[in-house]
Amino acid sequence: MSVHEAITRHTRSMHAHLEAFQLLDRQREEAIDQALALCAAGQPFTVDAINRVTTQINEHAKHGISPTRPYVTEAMVKEYANRSSR
């Protein structure tokens, strides 16, 4: 295999890795938005879906160049919802 082919294969691999990260990150943001909407409406909510995707993101990051994301607590959601409603 030529150097050019190796570089191309590596670049494609990194691009695919980042695309997968972007998909997971969008899913995490959607879960955060859902939790915030429920919290703002005074409804019960959990951060389970957020942290499930966060675990996937952090595992994915071990195999490439994508960043990790912090886990979210219910207190964090409540604090953000309170700040946003002002």
C-alpha atoms as a PDB file:
ATOM      1  CA  MET A   1       0.000   0.000   0.000  1.00  0.00           C
ATOM      2  CA  SER A   2       1.294   3.411  -0.871  1.00  0.00           C
ATOM      3  CA  VAL A   3       1.686   6.186   1.643  1.00  0.00           C
ATOM      4  CA  HIS A   4      -1.056   8.104  -0.158  1.00  0.00           C
ATOM      5  CA  GLU A   5      -3.503   5.212   0.244  1.00  0.00           C
ATOM      6  CA  ALA A   6      -2.622   4.830   3.923  1.00  0.00           C
ATOM      7  CA  ILE A   7      -3.165   8.529   4.559  1.00  0.00           C
ATOM      8  CA  THR A   8      -6.461   8.442   2.669  1.00  0.00           C
ATOM      9  CA  ARG A   9      -7.661   5.423   4.653  1.00  0.00           C
ATOM     10  CA  HIS A  10      -6.675   7.070   7.931  1.00  0.00           C
ATOM     11  CA  THR A  11      -8.385  10.341   6.981  1.00  0.00           C
ATOM     12  CA  ARG A  12     -11.591   8.513   6.054  1.00  0.00           C
ATOM     13  CA  SER A  13     -11.481   6.623   9.330  1.00  0.00           C
ATOM     14  CA  MET A  14     -11.111   9.833  11.348  1.00  0.00           C
ATOM     15  CA  HIS A  15     -13.904  11.479   9.351  1.00  0.00           C
ATOM     16  CA  ALA A  16     -16.222   8.534  10.051  1.00  0.00           C
ATOM     17  CA  HIS A  17     -15.271   8.687  13.727  1.00  0.00           C
ATOM     18  CA  LEU A  18     -16.169  12.385  13.921  1.00  0.00           C
ATOM     19  CA  GLU A  19     -19.447  11.864  12.060  1.00  0.00           C
ATOM     20  CA  ALA A  20     -20.426   9.186  14.585  1.00  0.00           C
ATOM     21  CA  PHE A  21     -19.508  11.582  17.396  1.00  0.00           C
ATOM     22  CA  GLN A  22     -21.688  14.320  15.895  1.00  0.00           C
ATOM     23  CA  LEU A  23     -24.652  11.943  15.729  1.00  0.00           C
ATOM     24  CA  LEU A  24     -24.206  10.928  19.365  1.00  0.00           C
ATOM     25  CA  ASP A  25     -23.748  14.552  20.421  1.00  0.00           C
ATOM     26  CA  ARG A  26     -27.009  15.527  18.678  1.00  0.00           C
ATOM     27  CA  GLN A  27     -28.796  12.693  20.491  1.00  0.00           C
ATOM     28  CA  ARG A  28     -27.372  13.939  23.790  1.00  0.00           C
ATOM     29  CA  GLU A  29     -28.485  17.512  23.086  1.00  0.00           C
ATOM     30  CA  GLU A  30     -31.997  16.290  22.236  1.00  0.00           C
ATOM     31  CA  ALA A  31     -32.141  14.380  25.526  1.00  0.00           C
ATOM     32  CA  ILE A  32     -30.969  17.498  27.378  1.00  0.00           C
ATOM     33  CA  ASP A  33     -33.634  19.603  25.641  1.00  0.00           C
ATOM     34  CA  GLN A  34     -36.328  17.090  26.617  1.00  0.00           C
ATOM     35  CA  ALA A  35     -35.216  17.081  30.257  1.00  0.00           C
ATOM     36  CA  LEU A  36     -35.112  20.890  30.305  1.00  0.00           C
ATOM     37  CA  ALA A  37     -38.607  21.138  28.820  1.00  0.00           C
ATOM     38  CA  LEU A  38     -40.015  18.741  31.408  1.00  0.00           C
ATOM     39  CA  CYS A  39     -38.215  20.541  34.230  1.00  0.00           C
ATOM     40  CA  ALA A  40     -39.415  23.963  33.061  1.00  0.00           C
ATOM     41  CA  ALA A  41     -42.979  22.634  32.935  1.00  0.00           C
ATOM     42  CA  GLY A  42     -42.698  21.320  36.488  1.00  0.00           C
ATOM     43  CA  GLN A  43     -42.906  17.720  35.304  1.00  0.00           C
ATOM     44  CA  PRO A  44     -40.786  14.860  36.627  1.00  0.00           C
ATOM     45  CA  PHE A  45     -37.672  14.104  34.576  1.00  0.00           C
ATOM     46  CA  THR A  46     -34.533  11.993  34.716  1.00  0.00           C
ATOM     47  CA  VAL A  47     -31.075  12.372  33.266  1.00  0.00           C
ATOM     48  CA  ASP A  48     -30.815   8.658  32.419  1.00  0.00           C
ATOM     49  CA  ALA A  49     -31.144   9.147  28.653  1.00  0.00           C
ATOM     50  CA  ILE A  50     -28.601  11.979  28.709  1.00  0.00           C
ATOM     51  CA  ASN A  51     -26.053   9.959  30.630  1.00  0.00           C
ATOM     52  CA  ARG A  52     -26.660   6.818  28.570  1.00  0.00           C
ATOM     53  CA  VAL A  53     -25.610   8.747  25.449  1.00  0.00           C
ATOM     54  CA  THR A  54     -22.789  10.413  27.410  1.00  0.00           C
ATOM     55  CA  THR A  55     -21.397   6.958  28.196  1.00  0.00           C
ATOM     56  CA  GLN A  56     -21.528   6.076  24.498  1.00  0.00           C
ATOM     57  CA  ILE A  57     -19.757   9.331  23.593  1.00  0.00           C
ATOM     58  CA  ASN A  58     -17.021   8.788  26.163  1.00  0.00           C
ATOM     59  CA  GLU A  59     -16.474   5.182  25.039  1.00  0.00           C
ATOM     60  CA  HIS A  60     -16.386   6.341  21.420  1.00  0.00           C
ATOM     61  CA  ALA A  61     -13.780   8.992  22.301  1.00  0.00           C
ATOM     62  CA  LYS A  62     -11.393   6.272  23.482  1.00  0.00           C
ATOM     63  CA  HIS A  63     -11.058   5.086  19.882  1.00  0.00           C
ATOM     64  CA  GLY A  64     -10.343   8.336  18.074  1.00  0.00           C
ATOM     65  CA  ILE A  65     -10.015  12.082  18.238  1.00  0.00           C
ATOM     66  CA  SER A  66     -13.471  13.125  19.441  1.00  0.00           C
ATOM     67  CA  PRO A  67     -13.963  14.903  22.778  1.00  0.00           C
ATOM     68  CA  THR A  68     -15.607  13.488  25.874  1.00  0.00           C
ATOM     69  CA  ARG A  69     -18.681  14.928  27.569  1.00  0.00           C
ATOM     70  CA  PRO A  70     -19.424  15.317  31.294  1.00  0.00           C
ATOM     71  CA  TYR A  71     -22.219  13.418  32.983  1.00  0.00           C
ATOM     72  CA  VAL A  72     -25.297  15.463  33.877  1.00  0.00           C
ATOM     73  CA  THR A  73     -27.092  15.541  37.226  1.00  0.00           C
ATOM     74  CA  GLU A  74     -30.706  16.477  37.896  1.00  0.00           C
ATOM     75  CA  ALA A  75     -29.413  19.459  39.878  1.00  0.00           C
ATOM     76  CA  MET A  76     -27.561  20.699  36.793  1.00  0.00           C
ATOM     77  CA  VAL A  77     -30.759  20.535  34.719  1.00  0.00           C
ATOM     78  CA  LYS A  78     -32.758  22.353  37.406  1.00  0.00           C
ATOM     79  CA  GLU A  79     -30.097  25.051  37.747  1.00  0.00           C
ATOM     80  CA  TYR A  80     -29.963  25.638  33.987  1.00  0.00           C
ATOM     81  CA  ALA A  81     -33.770  25.671  33.706  1.00  0.00           C
ATOM     82  CA  ASN A  82     -33.966  28.255  36.501  1.00  0.00           C
ATOM     83  CA  ARG A  83     -31.326  30.466  34.867  1.00  0.00           C
ATOM     84  CA  SER A  84     -33.017  30.202  31.471  1.00  0.00           C
ATOM     85  CA  SER A  85     -36.448  31.173  32.770  1.00  0.00           C
ATOM     86  CA  ARG A  86     -35.294  34.551  34.063  1.00  0.00           C
END
